[in-house]
Full PDB file with SEQRES, HELIX, SHEET, SSBOND, CRYST1, ORIGX, SCALE, CONECT and MASTER records, all heavy atoms in Angstrom:
SEQRES   1 A   43  GLU PRO LEU ALA ARG THR VAL ASP GLN GLU ASP GLY PRO          
SEQRES   2 A   43  ALA GLN ALA GLY SER CYS LEU LEU ASP ALA GLU PHE PHE          
SEQRES   3 A   43  SER SER THR GLY VAL VAL VAL ASP GLY ILE PRO ALA LEU          
SEQRES   4 A   43  THR GLN PRO GLU                                              
HELIX    1 AA1 GLN A    9  ASP A   11  5                                   3    
HELIX    2 AA2 ALA A   23  PHE A   25  5                                   3    
CRYST1    1.000    1.000    1.000  90.00  90.00  90.00 P 1           1          
ORIGX1      1.000000  0.000000  0.000000        0.00000                         
ORIGX2      0.000000  1.000000  0.000000        0.00000                         
ORIGX3      0.000000  0.000000  1.000000        0.00000                         
SCALE1      1.000000  0.000000  0.000000        0.00000                         
SCALE2      0.000000  1.000000  0.000000        0.00000                         
SCALE3      0.000000  0.000000  1.000000        0.00000                         
ATOM      1  N   GLU A   1     104.998  41.046 111.826  1.00  0.00           N  
ATOM      2  CA  GLU A   1     104.088  39.932 112.017  1.00  0.00           C  
ATOM      3  C   GLU A   1     103.140  40.212 113.169  1.00  0.00           C  
ATOM      4  O   GLU A   1     103.488  40.938 114.103  1.00  0.00           O  
ATOM      5  CB  GLU A   1     104.885  38.645 112.311  1.00  0.00           C  
ATOM      6  CG  GLU A   1     105.730  38.169 111.145  1.00  0.00           C  
ATOM      7  CD  GLU A   1     104.883  37.879 109.921  1.00  0.00           C  
ATOM      8  OE1 GLU A   1     103.856  37.183 110.062  1.00  0.00           O  
ATOM      9  OE2 GLU A   1     105.232  38.370 108.836  1.00  0.00           O  
ATOM     10  N   PRO A   2     101.920  39.665 113.137  1.00  0.00           N  
ATOM     11  CA  PRO A   2     100.995  39.850 114.251  1.00  0.00           C  
ATOM     12  C   PRO A   2     101.622  39.396 115.561  1.00  0.00           C  
ATOM     13  O   PRO A   2     102.313  38.389 115.617  1.00  0.00           O  
ATOM     14  CB  PRO A   2      99.793  38.976 113.873  1.00  0.00           C  
ATOM     15  CG  PRO A   2      99.891  38.850 112.385  1.00  0.00           C  
ATOM     16  CD  PRO A   2     101.354  38.852 112.060  1.00  0.00           C  
ATOM     17  N   LEU A   3     101.375  40.145 116.626  1.00  0.00           N  
ATOM     18  CA  LEU A   3     102.024  39.878 117.899  1.00  0.00           C  
ATOM     19  C   LEU A   3     101.088  39.319 118.941  1.00  0.00           C  
ATOM     20  O   LEU A   3     101.439  39.259 120.116  1.00  0.00           O  
ATOM     21  CB  LEU A   3     102.643  41.183 118.434  1.00  0.00           C  
ATOM     22  CG  LEU A   3     103.739  41.767 117.553  1.00  0.00           C  
ATOM     23  CD1 LEU A   3     104.188  43.102 118.115  1.00  0.00           C  
ATOM     24  CD2 LEU A   3     104.911  40.818 117.461  1.00  0.00           C  
ATOM     25  N   ALA A   4      99.875  38.919 118.567  1.00  0.00           N  
ATOM     26  CA  ALA A   4      98.953  38.446 119.587  1.00  0.00           C  
ATOM     27  C   ALA A   4      97.945  37.491 118.978  1.00  0.00           C  
ATOM     28  O   ALA A   4      97.824  37.363 117.775  1.00  0.00           O  
ATOM     29  CB  ALA A   4      98.228  39.621 120.237  1.00  0.00           C  
ATOM     30  N   ARG A   5      97.222  36.824 119.826  1.00  0.00           N  
ATOM     31  CA  ARG A   5      96.101  36.020 119.390  1.00  0.00           C  
ATOM     32  C   ARG A   5      94.855  36.543 120.088  1.00  0.00           C  
ATOM     33  O   ARG A   5      94.945  37.245 121.084  1.00  0.00           O  
ATOM     34  CB  ARG A   5      96.319  34.546 119.748  1.00  0.00           C  
ATOM     35  CG  ARG A   5      96.434  34.298 121.244  1.00  0.00           C  
ATOM     36  CD  ARG A   5      96.776  32.843 121.522  1.00  0.00           C  
ATOM     37  NE  ARG A   5      96.998  32.628 122.946  1.00  0.00           N  
ATOM     38  CZ  ARG A   5      96.045  32.312 123.806  1.00  0.00           C  
ATOM     39  NH1 ARG A   5      94.798  32.229 123.400  1.00  0.00           N  
ATOM     40  NH2 ARG A   5      96.317  32.104 125.070  1.00  0.00           N  
ATOM     41  N   THR A   6      93.697  36.206 119.571  1.00  0.00           N  
ATOM     42  CA  THR A   6      92.446  36.627 120.175  1.00  0.00           C  
ATOM     43  C   THR A   6      91.892  35.513 121.044  1.00  0.00           C  
ATOM     44  O   THR A   6      91.837  34.367 120.621  1.00  0.00           O  
ATOM     45  CB  THR A   6      91.415  36.988 119.092  1.00  0.00           C  
ATOM     46  OG1 THR A   6      91.945  38.064 118.316  1.00  0.00           O  
ATOM     47  CG2 THR A   6      90.111  37.432 119.723  1.00  0.00           C  
ATOM     48  N   VAL A   7      91.493  35.836 122.250  1.00  0.00           N  
ATOM     49  CA  VAL A   7      90.826  34.888 123.124  1.00  0.00           C  
ATOM     50  C   VAL A   7      89.419  35.398 123.353  1.00  0.00           C  
ATOM     51  O   VAL A   7      89.225  36.492 123.850  1.00  0.00           O  
ATOM     52  CB  VAL A   7      91.559  34.765 124.482  1.00  0.00           C  
ATOM     53  CG1 VAL A   7      90.809  33.802 125.393  1.00  0.00           C  
ATOM     54  CG2 VAL A   7      92.979  34.275 124.267  1.00  0.00           C  
ATOM     55  N   ASP A   8      88.416  34.622 122.925  1.00  0.00           N  
ATOM     56  CA  ASP A   8      87.038  35.067 123.036  1.00  0.00           C  
ATOM     57  C   ASP A   8      86.577  35.095 124.478  1.00  0.00           C  
ATOM     58  O   ASP A   8      87.027  34.321 125.319  1.00  0.00           O  
ATOM     59  CB  ASP A   8      86.118  34.129 122.244  1.00  0.00           C  
ATOM     60  CG  ASP A   8      86.382  34.215 120.755  1.00  0.00           C  
ATOM     61  OD1 ASP A   8      86.788  35.299 120.289  1.00  0.00           O  
ATOM     62  OD2 ASP A   8      86.193  33.199 120.072  1.00  0.00           O  
ATOM     63  N   GLN A   9      85.646  36.017 124.784  1.00  0.00           N  
ATOM     64  CA  GLN A   9      85.091  36.103 126.123  1.00  0.00           C  
ATOM     65  C   GLN A   9      84.470  34.771 126.532  1.00  0.00           C  
ATOM     66  O   GLN A   9      84.482  34.409 127.699  1.00  0.00           O  
ATOM     67  CB  GLN A   9      84.023  37.207 126.169  1.00  0.00           C  
ATOM     68  CG  GLN A   9      84.547  38.599 125.851  1.00  0.00           C  
ATOM     69  CD  GLN A   9      85.235  39.247 127.034  1.00  0.00           C  
ATOM     70  OE1 GLN A   9      85.394  38.634 128.082  1.00  0.00           O  
ATOM     71  NE2 GLN A   9      85.647  40.496 126.863  1.00  0.00           N  
ATOM     72  N   GLU A  10      83.914  34.010 125.555  1.00  0.00           N  
ATOM     73  CA  GLU A  10      83.237  32.759 125.885  1.00  0.00           C  
ATOM     74  C   GLU A  10      84.202  31.699 126.400  1.00  0.00           C  
ATOM     75  O   GLU A  10      83.798  30.663 126.915  1.00  0.00           O  
ATOM     76  CB  GLU A  10      82.506  32.209 124.656  1.00  0.00           C  
ATOM     77  CG  GLU A  10      81.280  33.028 124.244  1.00  0.00           C  
ATOM     78  CD  GLU A  10      81.642  34.308 123.503  1.00  0.00           C  
ATOM     79  OE1 GLU A  10      82.837  34.512 123.199  1.00  0.00           O  
ATOM     80  OE2 GLU A  10      80.725  35.111 123.231  1.00  0.00           O  
ATOM     81  N   ASP A  11      85.516  31.935 126.255  1.00  0.00           N  
ATOM     82  CA  ASP A  11      86.474  30.944 126.716  1.00  0.00           C  
ATOM     83  C   ASP A  11      86.542  30.870 128.232  1.00  0.00           C  
ATOM     84  O   ASP A  11      87.258  30.044 128.786  1.00  0.00           O  
ATOM     85  CB  ASP A  11      87.876  31.265 126.174  1.00  0.00           C  
ATOM     86  CG  ASP A  11      87.960  31.004 124.679  1.00  0.00           C  
ATOM     87  OD1 ASP A  11      87.045  30.363 124.144  1.00  0.00           O  
ATOM     88  OD2 ASP A  11      88.930  31.439 124.063  1.00  0.00           O  
ATOM     89  N   GLY A  12      85.816  31.753 128.917  1.00  0.00           N  
ATOM     90  CA  GLY A  12      85.812  31.722 130.373  1.00  0.00           C  
ATOM     91  C   GLY A  12      86.646  32.849 130.942  1.00  0.00           C  
ATOM     92  O   GLY A  12      87.115  33.731 130.229  1.00  0.00           O  
ATOM     93  N   PRO A  13      86.864  32.862 132.274  1.00  0.00           N  
ATOM     94  CA  PRO A  13      87.613  33.934 132.932  1.00  0.00           C  
ATOM     95  C   PRO A  13      89.006  34.082 132.330  1.00  0.00           C  
ATOM     96  O   PRO A  13      89.642  33.095 131.942  1.00  0.00           O  
ATOM     97  CB  PRO A  13      87.670  33.479 134.394  1.00  0.00           C  
ATOM     98  CG  PRO A  13      86.559  32.497 134.546  1.00  0.00           C  
ATOM     99  CD  PRO A  13      86.413  31.833 133.215  1.00  0.00           C  
ATOM    100  N   ALA A  14      89.465  35.332 132.273  1.00  0.00           N  
ATOM    101  CA  ALA A  14      90.786  35.585 131.696  1.00  0.00           C  
ATOM    102  C   ALA A  14      91.870  34.915 132.535  1.00  0.00           C  
ATOM    103  O   ALA A  14      91.868  35.001 133.751  1.00  0.00           O  
ATOM    104  CB  ALA A  14      91.036  37.092 131.629  1.00  0.00           C  
ATOM    105  N   GLN A  15      92.781  34.210 131.872  1.00  0.00           N  
ATOM    106  CA  GLN A  15      93.909  33.589 132.542  1.00  0.00           C  
ATOM    107  C   GLN A  15      95.146  34.455 132.333  1.00  0.00           C  
ATOM    108  O   GLN A  15      95.121  35.467 131.631  1.00  0.00           O  
ATOM    109  CB  GLN A  15      94.134  32.187 131.972  1.00  0.00           C  
ATOM    110  CG  GLN A  15      92.902  31.285 132.051  1.00  0.00           C  
ATOM    111  CD  GLN A  15      92.445  31.056 133.475  1.00  0.00           C  
ATOM    112  OE1 GLN A  15      93.264  30.799 134.349  1.00  0.00           O  
ATOM    113  NE2 GLN A  15      91.151  31.166 133.712  1.00  0.00           N  
ATOM    114  N   ALA A  16      96.247  34.033 132.950  1.00  0.00           N  
ATOM    115  CA  ALA A  16      97.475  34.825 132.850  1.00  0.00           C  
ATOM    116  C   ALA A  16      97.912  35.006 131.409  1.00  0.00           C  
ATOM    117  O   ALA A  16      98.508  36.009 131.058  1.00  0.00           O  
ATOM    118  CB  ALA A  16      98.585  34.155 133.656  1.00  0.00           C  
ATOM    119  N   GLY A  17      97.612  34.034 130.550  1.00  0.00           N  
ATOM    120  CA  GLY A  17      98.032  34.138 129.166  1.00  0.00           C  
ATOM    121  C   GLY A  17      96.977  34.676 128.233  1.00  0.00           C  
ATOM    122  O   GLY A  17      97.144  34.631 127.036  1.00  0.00           O  
ATOM    123  N   SER A  18      95.861  35.153 128.772  1.00  0.00           N  
ATOM    124  CA  SER A  18      94.776  35.636 127.930  1.00  0.00           C  
ATOM    125  C   SER A  18      95.155  36.934 127.236  1.00  0.00           C  
ATOM    126  O   SER A  18      95.869  37.768 127.787  1.00  0.00           O  
ATOM    127  CB  SER A  18      93.519  35.868 128.775  1.00  0.00           C  
ATOM    128  OG  SER A  18      93.028  34.653 129.286  1.00  0.00           O  
ATOM    129  N   CYS A  19      94.642  37.090 126.029  1.00  0.00           N  
ATOM    130  CA  CYS A  19      94.773  38.362 125.335  1.00  0.00           C  
ATOM    131  C   CYS A  19      93.476  38.606 124.588  1.00  0.00           C  
ATOM    132  O   CYS A  19      93.186  37.922 123.612  1.00  0.00           O  
ATOM    133  CB  CYS A  19      95.954  38.357 124.375  1.00  0.00           C  
ATOM    134  SG  CYS A  19      96.306  40.000 123.726  1.00  0.00           S  
ATOM    135  N   LEU A  20      92.684  39.548 125.077  1.00  0.00           N  
ATOM    136  CA  LEU A  20      91.360  39.792 124.515  1.00  0.00           C  
ATOM    137  C   LEU A  20      91.415  40.876 123.442  1.00  0.00           C  
ATOM    138  O   LEU A  20      90.612  41.798 123.438  1.00  0.00           O  
ATOM    139  CB  LEU A  20      90.393  40.188 125.630  1.00  0.00           C  
ATOM    140  CG  LEU A  20      90.323  39.244 126.834  1.00  0.00           C  
ATOM    141  CD1 LEU A  20      89.306  39.739 127.850  1.00  0.00           C  
ATOM    142  CD2 LEU A  20      89.982  37.832 126.382  1.00  0.00           C  
ATOM    143  N   LEU A  21      92.378  40.783 122.552  1.00  0.00           N  
ATOM    144  CA  LEU A  21      92.556  41.767 121.498  1.00  0.00           C  
ATOM    145  C   LEU A  21      92.714  41.044 120.163  1.00  0.00           C  
ATOM    146  O   LEU A  21      93.168  39.900 120.116  1.00  0.00           O  
ATOM    147  CB  LEU A  21      93.786  42.643 121.771  1.00  0.00           C  
ATOM    148  CG  LEU A  21      93.709  43.547 123.004  1.00  0.00           C  
ATOM    149  CD1 LEU A  21      95.078  44.142 123.311  1.00  0.00           C  
ATOM    150  CD2 LEU A  21      92.686  44.660 122.814  1.00  0.00           C  
ATOM    151  N   ASP A  22      92.372  41.737 119.101  1.00  0.00           N  
ATOM    152  CA  ASP A  22      92.437  41.181 117.757  1.00  0.00           C  
ATOM    153  C   ASP A  22      93.870  41.287 117.231  1.00  0.00           C  
ATOM    154  O   ASP A  22      94.420  42.387 117.104  1.00  0.00           O  
ATOM    155  CB  ASP A  22      91.471  41.950 116.856  1.00  0.00           C  
ATOM    156  CG  ASP A  22      91.291  41.313 115.494  1.00  0.00           C  
ATOM    157  OD1 ASP A  22      92.175  40.537 115.082  1.00  0.00           O  
ATOM    158  OD2 ASP A  22      90.276  41.594 114.850  1.00  0.00           O  
ATOM    159  N   ALA A  23      94.467  40.142 116.932  1.00  0.00           N  
ATOM    160  CA  ALA A  23      95.858  40.129 116.483  1.00  0.00           C  
ATOM    161  C   ALA A  23      96.078  40.983 115.238  1.00  0.00           C  
ATOM    162  O   ALA A  23      97.179  41.492 115.016  1.00  0.00           O  
ATOM    163  CB  ALA A  23      96.288  38.687 116.200  1.00  0.00           C  
ATOM    164  N   GLU A  24      95.032  41.154 114.430  1.00  0.00           N  
ATOM    165  CA  GLU A  24      95.172  41.900 113.177  1.00  0.00           C  
ATOM    166  C   GLU A  24      95.632  43.331 113.400  1.00  0.00           C  
ATOM    167  O   GLU A  24      96.275  43.938 112.535  1.00  0.00           O  
ATOM    168  CB  GLU A  24      93.836  41.891 112.424  1.00  0.00           C  
ATOM    169  CG  GLU A  24      93.853  42.631 111.091  1.00  0.00           C  
ATOM    170  CD  GLU A  24      92.499  42.629 110.413  1.00  0.00           C  
ATOM    171  OE1 GLU A  24      91.552  42.023 110.962  1.00  0.00           O  
ATOM    172  OE2 GLU A  24      92.400  43.238 109.332  1.00  0.00           O  
ATOM    173  N   PHE A  25      95.320  43.887 114.567  1.00  0.00           N  
ATOM    174  CA  PHE A  25      95.585  45.313 114.789  1.00  0.00           C  
ATOM    175  C   PHE A  25      96.715  45.558 115.785  1.00  0.00           C  
ATOM    176  O   PHE A  25      96.895  46.679 116.248  1.00  0.00           O  
ATOM    177  CB  PHE A  25      94.304  46.016 115.226  1.00  0.00           C  
ATOM    178  CG  PHE A  25      93.200  45.902 114.219  1.00  0.00           C  
ATOM    179  CD1 PHE A  25      92.050  45.188 114.496  1.00  0.00           C  
ATOM    180  CD2 PHE A  25      93.339  46.476 112.962  1.00  0.00           C  
ATOM    181  CE1 PHE A  25      91.036  45.058 113.562  1.00  0.00           C  
ATOM    182  CE2 PHE A  25      92.340  46.356 112.011  1.00  0.00           C  
ATOM    183  CZ  PHE A  25      91.180  45.650 112.311  1.00  0.00           C  
ATOM    184  N   PHE A  26      97.462  44.508 116.117  1.00  0.00           N  
ATOM    185  CA  PHE A  26      98.670  44.678 116.914  1.00  0.00           C  
ATOM    186  C   PHE A  26      99.822  45.096 116.012  1.00  0.00           C  
ATOM    187  O   PHE A  26      99.954  44.617 114.888  1.00  0.00           O  
ATOM    188  CB  PHE A  26      99.047  43.373 117.617  1.00  0.00           C  
ATOM    189  CG  PHE A  26      98.700  43.343 119.068  1.00  0.00           C  
ATOM    190  CD1 PHE A  26      97.566  42.696 119.511  1.00  0.00           C  
ATOM    191  CD2 PHE A  26      99.513  43.980 119.997  1.00  0.00           C  
ATOM    192  CE1 PHE A  26      97.237  42.664 120.845  1.00  0.00           C  
ATOM    193  CE2 PHE A  26      99.208  43.951 121.335  1.00  0.00           C  
ATOM    194  CZ  PHE A  26      98.062  43.294 121.775  1.00  0.00           C  
ATOM    195  N   SER A  27     100.688  45.960 116.515  1.00  0.00           N  
ATOM    196  CA  SER A  27     101.877  46.369 115.771  1.00  0.00           C  
ATOM    197  C   SER A  27     103.032  46.553 116.740  1.00  0.00           C  
ATOM    198  O   SER A  27     102.839  46.881 117.907  1.00  0.00           O  
ATOM    199  CB  SER A  27     101.656  47.701 115.040  1.00  0.00           C  
ATOM    200  OG  SER A  27     100.536  47.657 114.193  1.00  0.00           O  
ATOM    201  N   SER A  28     104.234  46.355 116.220  1.00  0.00           N  
ATOM    202  CA  SER A  28     105.441  46.739 116.939  1.00  0.00           C  
ATOM    203  C   SER A  28     105.961  48.027 116.324  1.00  0.00           C  
ATOM    204  O   SER A  28     106.020  48.168 115.105  1.00  0.00           O  
ATOM    205  CB  SER A  28     106.501  45.653 116.829  1.00  0.00           C  
ATOM    206  OG  SER A  28     107.739  46.129 117.311  1.00  0.00           O  
ATOM    207  N   THR A  29     106.337  48.973 117.160  1.00  0.00           N  
ATOM    208  CA  THR A  29     106.888  50.236 116.663  1.00  0.00           C  
ATOM    209  C   THR A  29     108.361  50.104 116.328  1.00  0.00           C  
ATOM    210  O   THR A  29     108.932  50.999 115.716  1.00  0.00           O  
ATOM    211  CB  THR A  29     106.731  51.341 117.717  1.00  0.00           C  
ATOM    212  OG1 THR A  29     107.480  50.978 118.887  1.00  0.00           O  
ATOM    213  CG2 THR A  29     105.275  51.543 118.087  1.00  0.00           C  
ATOM    214  N   GLY A  30     108.984  49.002 116.745  1.00  0.00           N  
ATOM    215  CA  GLY A  30     110.422  48.875 116.586  1.00  0.00           C  
ATOM    216  C   GLY A  30     111.188  49.482 117.741  1.00  0.00           C  
ATOM    217  O   GLY A  30     112.409  49.428 117.773  1.00  0.00           O  
ATOM    218  N   VAL A  31     110.458  50.072 118.710  1.00  0.00           N  
ATOM    219  CA  VAL A  31     111.088  50.647 119.897  1.00  0.00           C  
ATOM    220  C   VAL A  31     110.968  49.632 121.023  1.00  0.00           C  
ATOM    221  O   VAL A  31     109.888  49.076 121.257  1.00  0.00           O  
ATOM    222  CB  VAL A  31     110.406  51.976 120.293  1.00  0.00           C  
ATOM    223  CG1 VAL A  31     111.042  52.542 121.564  1.00  0.00           C  
ATOM    224  CG2 VAL A  31     110.525  52.979 119.155  1.00  0.00           C  
ATOM    225  N   VAL A  32     112.060  49.376 121.720  1.00  0.00           N  
ATOM    226  CA  VAL A  32     112.049  48.379 122.782  1.00  0.00           C  
ATOM    227  C   VAL A  32     111.251  48.882 123.981  1.00  0.00           C  
ATOM    228  O   VAL A  32     110.895  50.064 124.068  1.00  0.00           O  
ATOM    229  CB  VAL A  32     113.480  48.016 123.225  1.00  0.00           C  
ATOM    230  CG1 VAL A  32     114.248  47.373 122.093  1.00  0.00           C  
ATOM    231  CG2 VAL A  32     114.210  49.257 123.743  1.00  0.00           C  
ATOM    232  N   VAL A  33     110.979  47.989 124.909  1.00  0.00           N  
ATOM    233  CA  VAL A  33     110.273  48.336 126.131  1.00  0.00           C  
ATOM    234  C   VAL A  33     111.002  49.487 126.829  1.00  0.00           C  
ATOM    235  O   VAL A  33     112.217  49.460 127.008  1.00  0.00           O  
ATOM    236  CB  VAL A  33     110.202  47.127 127.077  1.00  0.00           C  
ATOM    237  CG1 VAL A  33     109.402  47.482 128.323  1.00  0.00           C  
ATOM    238  CG2 VAL A  33     109.600  45.930 126.384  1.00  0.00           C  
ATOM    239  N   ASP A  34     110.256  50.525 127.186  1.00  0.00           N  
ATOM    240  CA  ASP A  34     110.807  51.723 127.836  1.00  0.00           C  
ATOM    241  C   ASP A  34     111.745  52.509 126.926  1.00  0.00           C  
ATOM    242  O   ASP A  34     112.435  53.424 127.387  1.00  0.00           O  
ATOM    243  CB  ASP A  34     111.522  51.391 129.144  1.00  0.00           C  
ATOM    244  CG  ASP A  34     110.566  50.946 130.239  1.00  0.00           C  
ATOM    245  OD1 ASP A  34     109.395  51.366 130.239  1.00  0.00           O  
ATOM    246  OD2 ASP A  34     110.999  50.164 131.094  1.00  0.00           O  
ATOM    247  N   GLY A  35     111.780  52.150 125.627  1.00  0.00           N  
ATOM    248  CA  GLY A  35     112.562  52.957 124.693  1.00  0.00           C  
ATOM    249  C   GLY A  35     112.020  54.373 124.605  1.00  0.00           C  
ATOM    250  O   GLY A  35     112.759  55.329 124.376  1.00  0.00           O  
ATOM    251  N   ILE A  36     110.709  54.521 124.750  1.00  0.00           N  
ATOM    252  CA  ILE A  36     110.092  55.825 125.013  1.00  0.00           C  
ATOM    253  C   ILE A  36     109.941  55.895 126.525  1.00  0.00           C  
ATOM    254  O   ILE A  36     109.119  55.172 127.102  1.00  0.00           O  
ATOM    255  CB  ILE A  36     108.738  55.963 124.305  1.00  0.00           C  
ATOM    256  CG1 ILE A  36     108.944  55.912 122.783  1.00  0.00           C  
ATOM    257  CG2 ILE A  36     108.035  57.252 124.703  1.00  0.00           C  
ATOM    258  CD1 ILE A  36     107.655  55.871 121.991  1.00  0.00           C  
ATOM    259  N   PRO A  37     110.735  56.707 127.200  1.00  0.00           N  
ATOM    260  CA  PRO A  37     110.806  56.641 128.663  1.00  0.00           C  
ATOM    261  C   PRO A  37     109.677  57.403 129.346  1.00  0.00           C  
ATOM    262  O   PRO A  37     109.589  58.632 129.276  1.00  0.00           O  
ATOM    263  CB  PRO A  37     112.163  57.278 128.976  1.00  0.00           C  
ATOM    264  CG  PRO A  37     112.385  58.241 127.849  1.00  0.00           C  
ATOM    265  CD  PRO A  37     111.723  57.640 126.631  1.00  0.00           C  
ATOM    266  N   ALA A  38     108.796  56.669 130.008  1.00  0.00           N  
ATOM    267  CA  ALA A  38     107.762  57.320 130.814  1.00  0.00           C  
ATOM    268  C   ALA A  38     108.416  58.097 131.952  1.00  0.00           C  
ATOM    269  O   ALA A  38     109.507  57.741 132.424  1.00  0.00           O  
ATOM    270  CB  ALA A  38     106.799  56.274 131.362  1.00  0.00           C  
ATOM    271  N   LEU A  39     107.753  59.148 132.391  1.00  0.00           N  
ATOM    272  CA  LEU A  39     108.275  59.988 133.472  1.00  0.00           C  
ATOM    273  C   LEU A  39     107.713  59.528 134.813  1.00  0.00           C  
ATOM    274  O   LEU A  39     106.565  59.085 134.906  1.00  0.00           O  
ATOM    275  CB  LEU A  39     107.907  61.447 133.242  1.00  0.00           C  
ATOM    276  CG  LEU A  39     108.455  62.094 131.964  1.00  0.00           C  
ATOM    277  CD1 LEU A  39     107.872  63.497 131.791  1.00  0.00           C  
ATOM    278  CD2 LEU A  39     109.970  62.150 131.988  1.00  0.00           C  
ATOM    279  N   THR A  40     108.509  59.659 135.846  1.00  0.00           N  
ATOM    280  CA  THR A  40     108.071  59.375 137.209  1.00  0.00           C  
ATOM    281  C   THR A  40     108.389  60.575 138.088  1.00  0.00           C  
ATOM    282  O   THR A  40     109.543  61.004 138.172  1.00  0.00           O  
ATOM    283  CB  THR A  40     108.767  58.123 137.767  1.00  0.00           C  
ATOM    284  OG1 THR A  40     108.392  56.984 136.979  1.00  0.00           O  
ATOM    285  CG2 THR A  40     108.357  57.872 139.211  1.00  0.00           C  
ATOM    286  N   GLN A  41     107.361  61.122 138.691  1.00  0.00           N  
ATOM    287  CA  GLN A  41     107.475  62.286 139.557  1.00  0.00           C  
ATOM    288  C   GLN A  41     108.325  63.399 138.938  1.00  0.00           C  
ATOM    289  O   GLN A  41     109.283  63.890 139.550  1.00  0.00           O  
ATOM    290  CB  GLN A  41     108.046  61.883 140.920  1.00  0.00           C  
ATOM    291  CG  GLN A  41     107.038  61.175 141.821  1.00  0.00           C  
ATOM    292  CD  GLN A  41     105.792  62.041 142.076  1.00  0.00           C  
ATOM    293  OE1 GLN A  41     104.785  61.971 141.367  1.00  0.00           O  
ATOM    294  NE2 GLN A  41     105.865  62.877 143.087  1.00  0.00           N  
ATOM    295  N   PRO A  42     107.973  63.833 137.714  1.00  0.00           N  
ATOM    296  CA  PRO A  42     108.713  64.937 137.111  1.00  0.00           C  
ATOM    297  C   PRO A  42     108.444  66.239 137.849  1.00  0.00           C  
ATOM    298  O   PRO A  42     107.443  66.375 138.569  1.00  0.00           O  
ATOM    299  CB  PRO A  42     108.159  64.986 135.690  1.00  0.00           C  
ATOM    300  CG  PRO A  42     106.766  64.442 135.822  1.00  0.00           C  
ATOM    301  CD  PRO A  42     106.858  63.383 136.886  1.00  0.00           C  
ATOM    302  N   GLU A  43     109.324  67.203 137.647  1.00  0.00           N  
ATOM    303  CA  GLU A  43     109.215  68.478 138.352  1.00  0.00           C  
ATOM    304  C   GLU A  43     108.146  69.360 137.706  1.00  0.00           C  
ATOM    305  O   GLU A  43     108.123  69.541 136.485  1.00  0.00           O  
ATOM    306  CB  GLU A  43     110.554  69.202 138.339  1.00  0.00           C  
ATOM    307  CG  GLU A  43     110.546  70.520 139.104  1.00  0.00           C  
ATOM    308  CD  GLU A  43     111.898  71.202 139.140  1.00  0.00           C  
ATOM    309  OE1 GLU A  43     112.857  70.643 138.557  1.00  0.00           O  
ATOM    310  OE2 GLU A  43     112.002  72.288 139.744  1.00  0.00           O  
TER     311      GLU A  43                                                      
MASTER        0    0    0    2    0    0    0    6  310    1    0    4          
END                                                                             
């Protein structure tokens, strides 16, 4: 299912809940947050 809503620029300054993206093109990969582990200070 779509994971976002679109908030138009005309709605004013972005608020904490703003999402300026088109819900049609949002996807979930099925991988949880940090399920693909980013590296920090790798060797």
